[in-house]
Amino acid sequence: MDAERAKKLAEKYGLAYFETSAKTGQNVDEAFMHLARDVKRRVHETNEAPDDQPSKGFKIGGSGQQGTGGGGGSPQNPDNTPSSCPC
């Protein structure tokens, strides 16, 4: 897709536009960090729904089985043990 068409589509849908190169690494880190910050912001906003209103997205955390040793965690945390990840 040519750059002008991509820019117009990004603008139409309210998205960021980055020209990146996997070969040279140009703007790859910047695009990833922008995406990660946007996802974090949206998750945070979603989880701030008032108690009397359902959330519009997903909740951060487990299925309530954390620490039971029953497995079923993520590939990075298969035992569902508490994480020290600051994110």
Protein backbone atom coordinates (compact mmCIF):
# COMPACT_ATOMS: atom_id res chain seq x y z
CA MET A 1 0.00 0.00 0.00
CA ASP A 2 1.38 3.41 -0.82
CA ALA A 3 2.12 5.85 2.01
CA GLU A 4 -0.55 8.41 1.09
CA ARG A 5 -3.33 5.83 1.10
CA ALA A 6 -2.10 4.42 4.42
CA LYS A 7 -1.99 7.91 5.95
CA LYS A 8 -5.55 8.63 4.80
CA LEU A 9 -6.86 5.33 6.20
CA ALA A 10 -5.09 5.94 9.52
CA GLU A 11 -6.60 9.42 9.72
CA LYS A 12 -10.06 8.14 8.77
CA TYR A 13 -10.04 5.56 11.58
CA GLY A 14 -8.24 7.74 14.14
CA LEU A 15 -5.09 5.62 14.14
CA ALA A 16 -1.44 6.52 14.36
CA TYR A 17 0.61 6.18 11.20
CA PHE A 18 4.23 5.04 11.25
CA GLU A 19 6.46 4.21 8.33
CA THR A 20 8.60 1.34 9.58
CA SER A 21 11.26 -0.97 8.22
CA ALA A 22 11.90 -4.46 9.55
CA LYS A 23 15.10 -4.50 7.52
CA THR A 24 16.65 -1.37 9.04
CA GLY A 25 14.59 -1.18 12.23
CA GLN A 26 13.46 2.35 11.37
CA ASN A 27 10.60 3.43 13.68
CA VAL A 28 9.90 -0.14 14.84
CA ASP A 29 10.54 0.67 18.51
CA GLU A 30 8.55 3.89 18.27
CA ALA A 31 5.57 2.16 16.66
CA PHE A 32 5.62 -0.64 19.22
CA MET A 33 5.87 1.74 22.19
CA HIS A 34 3.03 3.87 20.83
CA LEU A 35 0.86 0.77 20.43
CA ALA A 36 1.76 -0.55 23.90
CA ARG A 37 0.96 2.80 25.57
CA ASP A 38 -2.36 2.98 23.70
CA VAL A 39 -3.34 -0.54 24.74
CA LYS A 40 -2.36 0.17 28.37
CA ARG A 41 -4.37 3.42 28.37
CA ARG A 42 -7.44 1.71 26.90
CA VAL A 43 -7.26 -1.19 29.35
CA HIS A 44 -6.93 1.25 32.24
CA GLU A 45 -9.92 3.27 31.03
CA THR A 46 -11.98 0.09 30.57
CA ASN A 47 -11.24 -1.09 34.09
CA GLU A 48 -12.46 2.18 35.60
CA ALA A 49 -16.14 1.45 34.92
CA PRO A 50 -18.36 2.26 37.92
CA ASP A 51 -19.37 -0.77 40.02
CA ASP A 52 -22.99 -0.51 38.89
CA GLN A 53 -22.02 -0.62 35.20
CA PRO A 54 -20.41 -3.57 33.41
CA SER A 55 -16.94 -3.15 31.98
CA LYS A 56 -16.75 -2.70 28.21
CA GLY A 57 -13.60 -4.76 27.83
CA PHE A 58 -11.54 -7.20 29.77
CA LYS A 59 -10.18 -7.14 33.28
CA ILE A 60 -6.53 -7.49 34.09
CA GLY A 61 -5.99 -10.47 36.34
CA GLY A 62 -6.72 -14.15 36.49
CA SER A 63 -9.89 -16.17 36.55
CA GLY A 64 -9.95 -16.30 40.32
CA GLN A 65 -7.78 -19.41 40.44
CA GLN A 66 -4.53 -17.61 41.15
CA GLY A 67 -2.34 -19.43 43.63
CA THR A 68 -4.33 -22.67 43.52
CA GLY A 69 -1.54 -24.54 41.76
CA GLY A 70 -4.03 -25.90 39.27
CA GLY A 71 -2.15 -24.60 36.26
CA GLY A 72 -4.02 -23.02 33.42
CA GLY A 73 -1.99 -19.83 33.45
CA SER A 74 -0.38 -18.12 30.51
CA PRO A 75 2.60 -19.61 28.69
CA GLN A 76 4.81 -17.13 30.55
CA ASN A 77 3.20 -18.02 33.91
CA PRO A 78 1.81 -21.57 33.63
CA ASP A 79 1.28 -21.98 37.39
CA ASN A 80 -0.66 -18.70 37.77
CA THR A 81 1.76 -17.60 40.48
CA PRO A 82 1.83 -13.91 41.38
CA SER A 83 4.08 -11.86 39.15
CA SER A 84 6.41 -9.01 40.01
CA CYS A 85 5.80 -7.42 36.61
CA PRO A 86 5.29 -3.65 37.07
CA CYS A 87 2.92 -3.49 34.11
